[in-house]
Amino acid sequence: MTDLPDTDEQIRAPEHTRPTRDASHSRTTRASFGPRLLPRVILLLVATGFLLAFAAGRRAPASTASARAARLAAPLDAAAQGEGSNFSHSIPQHASLACDSCHRREDNSAEPRLPGHKACTDCHTAQFTTSGSALCLNCHTNVESNNPPLKAFPGLKNFGMRFDHLQHMSGEAQPQQGCSACHQPMRRGVAVSIPVGLAAHNNCYQCHTPNAQSGGRNIGSCGLCHAQGGYGRASTGSLAYRVNFTHAGHGPRQGLSCNDCHQVRSGVPRTQQVTAPRPTQHFGAGRAQACMSCHNNRRAFGGDDFSACKRCHTGQTFRF
């Protein structure tokens, strides 16, 4: 049998010793684990901070790019206000400008050059200096990089070409090289080239240099050949002139026989058994001689003899 305590101190003593043991145990735990855990916790917090900062940095450009693209795309819906619409020569502000405001040939180059930034910034300074301007998207697919890619140049919509052969066959307008100034011999098929499209400027610029004069008028102006209106690429199959051909001028006296120009084929319909040249295009028939076999560059296109082409091509049926 256990003796009962006879004093209050004996009763309270265990109460004092328990918290003393608990506090001592807590201090022992902090002393044992605190110094080791604290550096690890700090390192973990620092590493977490770096990871969060890196992730935020990776997301920021995409977010910025998306916001910028949204700002640029929005004005494109407001084409009626002119922002982001495609370039048009016909609006009054553009139509009032001289052609050489944008299309310049300072070096008298034979190749026509399309306008660069300066042609636009001369007037559209505010749009170019305003962040988020949709004007850039007229020519560039995006503006997210330092060197944004260009869109494919659109097909021509305006400024068809006016040309008259008769005006180039007499007087100062007559090229010194004759027909070969514009029409060069080719290896096969169509015997002479026909200038079309942008490449035609290479021929025209031989005479139509900037501020060139002929007959007292300026022949270096773009408007001399080009005018507002729909554009249609000239077909190389167009008939420039009627063909003035006679068999009497292509017979024994010229040393020719029928099979020089015609061939006979079997196994085909009667109307197709005898081939014939296509003089409007200078084609020969199969292996037969073509017009240019005799009317070659030396005979038909040589020197200043401009009557050579007119021997076969007459009239005003030019349909370029």
Protein backbone atom coordinates (compact mmCIF):
# COMPACT_ATOMS: atom_id res chain seq x y z
CA MET A 1 0.00 0.00 0.00
CA THR A 2 1.36 3.34 -1.01
CA ASP A 3 1.73 6.15 1.50
CA LEU A 4 -0.34 9.25 0.79
CA PRO A 5 1.46 12.58 0.53
CA ASP A 6 1.15 14.67 3.63
CA THR A 7 1.96 18.10 2.17
CA ASP A 8 0.73 20.32 -0.66
CA GLU A 9 4.30 20.69 -2.00
CA GLN A 10 4.53 16.95 -2.40
CA ILE A 11 1.28 17.00 -4.34
CA ARG A 12 2.34 19.92 -6.64
CA ALA A 13 5.85 18.66 -7.21
CA PRO A 14 4.92 16.31 -10.07
CA GLU A 15 3.01 19.17 -11.75
CA HIS A 16 6.18 21.30 -11.79
CA THR A 17 8.39 18.53 -12.98
CA ARG A 18 6.12 17.57 -15.98
CA PRO A 19 6.20 20.93 -17.71
CA THR A 20 9.86 21.15 -16.92
CA ARG A 21 10.40 17.83 -18.67
CA ASP A 22 8.15 18.90 -21.62
CA ALA A 23 9.96 22.21 -22.09
CA SER A 24 13.28 20.47 -21.85
CA HIS A 25 12.16 17.96 -24.47
CA SER A 26 10.98 20.77 -26.80
CA ARG A 27 14.26 22.64 -26.36
CA THR A 28 16.13 19.43 -27.05
CA THR A 29 14.10 18.89 -30.28
CA ARG A 30 14.73 22.44 -31.55
CA ALA A 31 18.39 22.14 -30.65
CA SER A 32 18.67 18.85 -32.54
CA PHE A 33 16.62 19.60 -35.73
CA GLY A 34 16.48 23.42 -36.04
CA PRO A 35 20.01 24.09 -37.31
CA ARG A 36 19.72 21.30 -39.85
CA LEU A 37 16.23 22.10 -41.20
CA LEU A 38 16.55 25.88 -41.49
CA PRO A 39 19.12 25.93 -44.34
CA ARG A 40 17.08 23.36 -46.21
CA VAL A 41 13.90 25.39 -45.85
CA ILE A 42 15.69 28.55 -47.03
CA LEU A 43 17.18 26.69 -50.00
CA LEU A 44 13.78 25.28 -50.91
CA LEU A 45 12.19 28.73 -50.81
CA VAL A 46 14.94 30.24 -52.94
CA ALA A 47 14.69 27.44 -55.52
CA THR A 48 10.92 27.81 -55.66
CA GLY A 49 11.29 31.54 -56.22
CA PHE A 50 13.68 30.99 -59.13
CA LEU A 51 11.34 28.46 -60.72
CA LEU A 52 8.37 30.79 -60.45
CA ALA A 53 10.35 33.70 -61.90
CA PHE A 54 11.59 31.56 -64.81
CA ALA A 55 8.09 30.30 -65.57
CA ALA A 56 6.73 33.83 -65.49
CA GLY A 57 9.49 35.01 -67.83
CA ARG A 58 8.73 32.22 -70.27
CA ARG A 59 5.04 33.09 -70.34
CA ALA A 60 5.47 36.86 -70.62
CA PRO A 61 6.56 37.11 -74.30
CA ALA A 62 3.75 34.85 -75.46
CA SER A 63 1.25 36.88 -73.50
CA THR A 64 2.73 40.12 -74.83
CA ALA A 65 2.79 38.76 -78.38
CA SER A 66 -0.83 37.67 -78.14
CA ALA A 67 -1.90 41.04 -76.81
CA ARG A 68 0.03 42.85 -79.53
CA ALA A 69 -1.44 40.62 -82.23
CA ALA A 70 -4.91 41.26 -80.88
CA ARG A 71 -4.33 45.02 -80.96
CA LEU A 72 -3.10 44.83 -84.54
CA ALA A 73 -5.83 42.51 -85.75
CA ALA A 74 -8.67 44.53 -84.30
CA PRO A 75 -8.35 47.56 -86.61
CA LEU A 76 -8.37 45.27 -89.67
CA ASP A 77 -12.11 44.92 -89.23
CA ALA A 78 -12.43 48.67 -89.61
CA ALA A 79 -11.36 48.73 -93.27
CA ALA A 80 -14.06 51.29 -93.98
CA GLN A 81 -12.02 53.74 -91.91
CA GLY A 82 -8.92 53.00 -93.94
CA GLU A 83 -6.92 51.29 -91.18
CA GLY A 84 -5.40 48.02 -92.30
CA SER A 85 -7.00 48.10 -95.75
CA ASN A 86 -5.00 47.15 -98.81
CA PHE A 87 -3.28 49.87 -100.75
CA SER A 88 -5.34 51.48 -103.48
CA HIS A 89 -4.14 53.81 -106.22
CA SER A 90 -7.65 55.13 -106.77
CA ILE A 91 -8.34 56.90 -103.45
CA PRO A 92 -7.94 60.69 -103.83
CA GLN A 93 -4.95 60.97 -101.49
CA HIS A 94 -2.98 58.47 -103.56
CA ALA A 95 -4.31 59.44 -106.98
CA SER A 96 -3.14 63.03 -106.47
CA LEU A 97 0.50 61.95 -106.04
CA ALA A 98 2.99 61.80 -108.87
CA CYS A 99 4.00 58.28 -109.85
CA ASP A 100 7.62 58.94 -108.98
CA SER A 101 6.62 59.73 -105.40
CA CYS A 102 6.71 55.98 -104.86
CA HIS A 103 8.15 54.49 -108.05
CA ARG A 104 11.59 55.97 -108.57
CA ARG A 105 14.46 55.16 -110.88
CA GLU A 106 17.32 57.28 -109.60
CA ASP A 107 19.90 55.04 -111.25
CA ASN A 108 17.93 54.67 -114.49
CA SER A 109 17.70 50.94 -113.80
CA ALA A 110 15.97 48.76 -116.35
CA GLU A 111 14.22 46.85 -113.58
CA PRO A 112 11.15 48.53 -112.06
CA ARG A 113 11.46 48.71 -108.30
CA LEU A 114 8.58 48.42 -105.89
CA PRO A 115 8.24 51.03 -103.13
CA GLY A 116 10.04 50.55 -99.83
CA HIS A 117 9.21 51.95 -96.40
CA LYS A 118 10.15 55.52 -97.29
CA ALA A 119 7.39 55.81 -99.88
CA CYS A 120 4.88 55.11 -97.10
CA THR A 121 6.54 56.93 -94.21
CA ASP A 122 6.69 60.20 -96.16
CA CYS A 123 2.95 60.51 -95.53
CA HIS A 124 2.08 57.85 -92.96
CA THR A 125 4.56 58.88 -90.28
CA ALA A 126 1.99 58.71 -87.48
CA GLN A 127 0.95 55.16 -88.33
CA PHE A 128 4.54 53.95 -88.48
CA THR A 129 5.45 55.50 -85.16
CA THR A 130 2.32 54.37 -83.34
CA SER A 131 2.61 51.11 -81.45
CA GLY A 132 0.12 48.56 -82.69
CA SER A 133 -0.60 50.22 -86.05
CA ALA A 134 -2.29 47.83 -88.47
CA LEU A 135 -0.62 49.52 -91.42
CA CYS A 136 2.34 47.16 -91.10
CA LEU A 137 0.09 44.16 -91.73
CA ASN A 138 -0.61 45.38 -95.25
CA CYS A 139 2.80 44.04 -96.26
CA HIS A 140 4.00 41.86 -93.36
CA THR A 141 2.47 38.63 -92.10
CA ASN A 142 3.25 39.65 -88.52
CA VAL A 143 5.29 42.17 -86.59
CA GLU A 144 6.49 39.93 -83.78
CA SER A 145 10.10 39.60 -84.95
CA ASN A 146 12.84 42.08 -85.72
CA ASN A 147 12.70 41.03 -89.38
CA PRO A 148 9.02 40.28 -90.03
CA PRO A 149 8.35 38.20 -93.15
CA LEU A 150 6.69 39.81 -96.16
CA LYS A 151 3.42 38.75 -97.67
CA ALA A 152 3.38 37.61 -101.27
CA PHE A 153 3.09 40.64 -103.52
CA PRO A 154 -0.50 40.87 -104.78
CA GLY A 155 -1.37 40.56 -108.42
CA LEU A 156 -1.72 43.75 -110.41
CA LYS A 157 -5.22 45.23 -110.32
CA ASN A 158 -4.76 48.54 -112.07
CA PHE A 159 -2.81 50.27 -114.77
CA GLY A 160 -3.17 48.21 -117.90
CA MET A 161 -0.75 49.04 -120.70
CA ARG A 162 -1.51 51.10 -123.79
CA PHE A 163 0.75 50.45 -126.75
CA ASP A 164 0.50 51.32 -130.43
CA HIS A 165 2.87 49.77 -132.95
CA LEU A 166 2.19 52.46 -135.52
CA GLN A 167 3.55 55.17 -133.22
CA HIS A 168 6.84 53.27 -133.03
CA MET A 169 7.36 52.78 -136.75
CA SER A 170 8.24 56.27 -137.93
CA GLY A 171 10.00 59.44 -136.87
CA GLU A 172 11.80 59.76 -133.56
CA ALA A 173 9.78 56.91 -132.04
CA GLN A 174 11.30 54.39 -134.44
CA PRO A 175 13.96 52.32 -132.62
CA GLN A 176 17.32 52.24 -134.30
CA GLN A 177 17.54 48.47 -133.85
CA GLY A 178 14.32 47.89 -135.74
CA CYS A 179 11.93 45.18 -134.63
CA SER A 180 14.70 43.44 -132.71
CA ALA A 181 14.69 46.32 -130.20
CA CYS A 182 11.71 44.61 -128.58
CA HIS A 183 11.36 41.23 -130.31
CA GLN A 184 14.30 38.89 -129.87
CA PRO A 185 14.75 35.60 -131.73
CA MET A 186 14.01 32.49 -129.72
CA ARG A 187 15.30 28.96 -130.07
CA ARG A 188 12.06 27.20 -130.88
CA GLY A 189 8.31 27.61 -130.93
CA VAL A 190 7.39 31.26 -131.26
CA ALA A 191 10.30 32.60 -133.25
CA VAL A 192 10.35 36.02 -131.61
CA SER A 193 9.76 37.05 -128.02
CA ILE A 194 6.84 39.28 -127.05
CA PRO A 195 7.48 41.58 -124.06
CA VAL A 196 4.80 41.22 -121.39
CA GLY A 197 4.41 41.98 -117.69
CA LEU A 198 7.12 43.64 -115.62
CA ALA A 199 9.78 42.29 -117.97
CA ALA A 200 8.39 44.55 -120.70
CA HIS A 201 9.87 47.54 -118.86
CA ASN A 202 13.32 46.31 -119.85
CA ASN A 203 12.38 47.00 -123.45
CA CYS A 204 10.49 50.22 -122.85
CA TYR A 205 13.22 51.75 -120.69
CA GLN A 206 15.64 51.66 -123.60
CA CYS A 207 13.91 54.80 -124.88
CA HIS A 208 11.47 55.83 -122.16
CA THR A 209 14.06 57.03 -119.68
CA PRO A 210 13.09 59.55 -116.95
CA ASN A 211 12.21 62.94 -118.47
CA ALA A 212 13.00 61.72 -122.00
CA GLN A 213 11.60 63.87 -124.80
CA SER A 214 10.31 62.86 -128.22
CA GLY A 215 8.47 65.12 -130.61
CA GLY A 216 8.35 67.84 -127.98
CA ARG A 217 6.59 65.76 -125.32
CA ASN A 218 7.69 63.91 -122.24
CA ILE A 219 7.88 60.19 -122.96
CA GLY A 220 9.35 59.31 -119.57
CA SER A 221 6.06 59.63 -117.69
CA CYS A 222 4.40 56.49 -116.37
CA GLY A 223 1.02 57.85 -117.46
CA LEU A 224 2.12 57.78 -121.09
CA CYS A 225 1.54 54.02 -121.15
CA HIS A 226 -0.38 53.34 -117.95
CA ALA A 227 -3.76 54.64 -116.83
CA GLN A 228 -6.17 53.83 -114.03
CA GLY A 229 -8.42 50.93 -114.82
CA GLY A 230 -8.48 47.17 -114.72
CA TYR A 231 -5.30 45.27 -115.46
CA GLY A 232 -5.16 42.27 -117.75
CA ARG A 233 -1.93 40.51 -118.63
CA ALA A 234 -1.37 40.55 -122.36
CA SER A 235 -1.63 37.19 -124.04
CA THR A 236 1.33 36.17 -126.16
CA GLY A 237 -1.17 34.50 -128.45
CA SER A 238 -2.76 37.77 -129.50
CA LEU A 239 -2.68 38.64 -133.17
CA ALA A 240 -0.57 41.74 -133.49
CA TYR A 241 -1.18 42.15 -137.21
CA ARG A 242 -2.91 40.36 -140.00
CA VAL A 243 -0.56 38.25 -142.07
CA ASN A 244 -0.08 39.36 -145.65
CA PHE A 245 0.99 36.08 -147.24
CA THR A 246 0.86 34.86 -150.84
CA HIS A 247 1.97 31.54 -152.28
CA ALA A 248 3.15 33.39 -155.37
CA GLY A 249 5.90 34.96 -153.32
CA HIS A 250 6.99 31.62 -151.87
CA GLY A 251 7.43 29.39 -154.91
CA PRO A 252 10.08 28.07 -157.28
CA ARG A 253 11.48 31.54 -157.91
CA GLN A 254 12.37 31.71 -154.23
CA GLY A 255 13.74 28.15 -154.32
CA LEU A 256 10.84 26.72 -152.33
CA SER A 257 8.58 23.74 -152.85
CA CYS A 258 5.35 22.75 -151.11
CA ASN A 259 6.96 20.25 -148.76
CA ASP A 260 9.28 22.94 -147.41
CA CYS A 261 6.33 24.33 -145.44
CA HIS A 262 3.74 21.53 -145.61
CA GLN A 263 3.85 17.90 -144.57
CA VAL A 264 1.44 15.08 -145.40
CA ARG A 265 0.24 12.81 -142.60
CA SER A 266 -1.71 9.57 -142.82
CA GLY A 267 -4.28 8.11 -140.49
CA VAL A 268 -5.89 11.44 -139.65
CA PRO A 269 -9.07 13.16 -140.88
CA ARG A 270 -8.85 14.54 -144.41
CA THR A 271 -8.84 18.16 -143.26
CA GLN A 272 -5.79 17.45 -141.07
CA GLN A 273 -3.70 15.42 -143.49
CA VAL A 274 -1.73 18.40 -144.80
CA THR A 275 -0.03 20.51 -142.17
CA ALA A 276 0.47 24.23 -142.50
CA PRO A 277 2.58 26.82 -140.69
CA ARG A 278 0.98 29.22 -138.26
CA PRO A 279 2.36 32.47 -139.59
CA THR A 280 0.67 34.65 -137.00
CA GLN A 281 2.87 33.00 -134.36
CA HIS A 282 5.83 32.17 -136.64
CA PHE A 283 5.34 28.47 -135.91
CA GLY A 284 6.44 25.77 -138.28
CA ALA A 285 4.43 22.60 -138.83
CA GLY A 286 6.16 19.58 -137.37
CA ARG A 287 9.61 19.29 -138.94
CA ALA A 288 8.77 21.64 -141.77
CA GLN A 289 10.37 25.04 -142.02
CA ALA A 290 8.81 27.90 -140.16
CA CYS A 291 8.61 31.48 -141.36
CA MET A 292 11.75 32.32 -139.42
CA SER A 293 13.73 29.66 -141.24
CA CYS A 294 14.07 32.23 -144.00
CA HIS A 295 12.88 35.40 -142.32
CA ASN A 296 15.56 35.13 -139.68
CA ASN A 297 17.19 37.76 -137.54
CA ARG A 298 19.65 38.72 -140.27
CA ARG A 299 17.06 39.16 -142.98
CA ALA A 300 13.85 40.21 -141.25
CA PHE A 301 15.16 41.99 -138.20
CA GLY A 302 18.53 43.33 -139.18
CA GLY A 303 19.81 46.89 -139.27
CA ASP A 304 17.42 49.79 -139.58
CA ASP A 305 15.19 48.14 -142.15
CA PHE A 306 11.77 48.47 -140.60
CA SER A 307 9.94 47.46 -143.74
CA ALA A 308 10.86 43.80 -143.13
CA CYS A 309 8.06 43.12 -140.65
CA LYS A 310 5.63 45.23 -142.66
CA ARG A 311 6.20 42.94 -145.63
CA CYS A 312 4.10 40.34 -143.82
CA HIS A 313 2.27 42.20 -141.07
CA THR A 314 -0.11 44.95 -142.13
CA GLY A 315 -3.11 46.81 -140.76
CA GLN A 316 -4.05 48.11 -137.34
CA THR A 317 -5.26 44.93 -135.70
CA PHE A 318 -2.94 45.18 -132.70
CA ARG A 319 -4.74 43.76 -129.64
CA PHE A 320 -2.13 43.83 -126.91
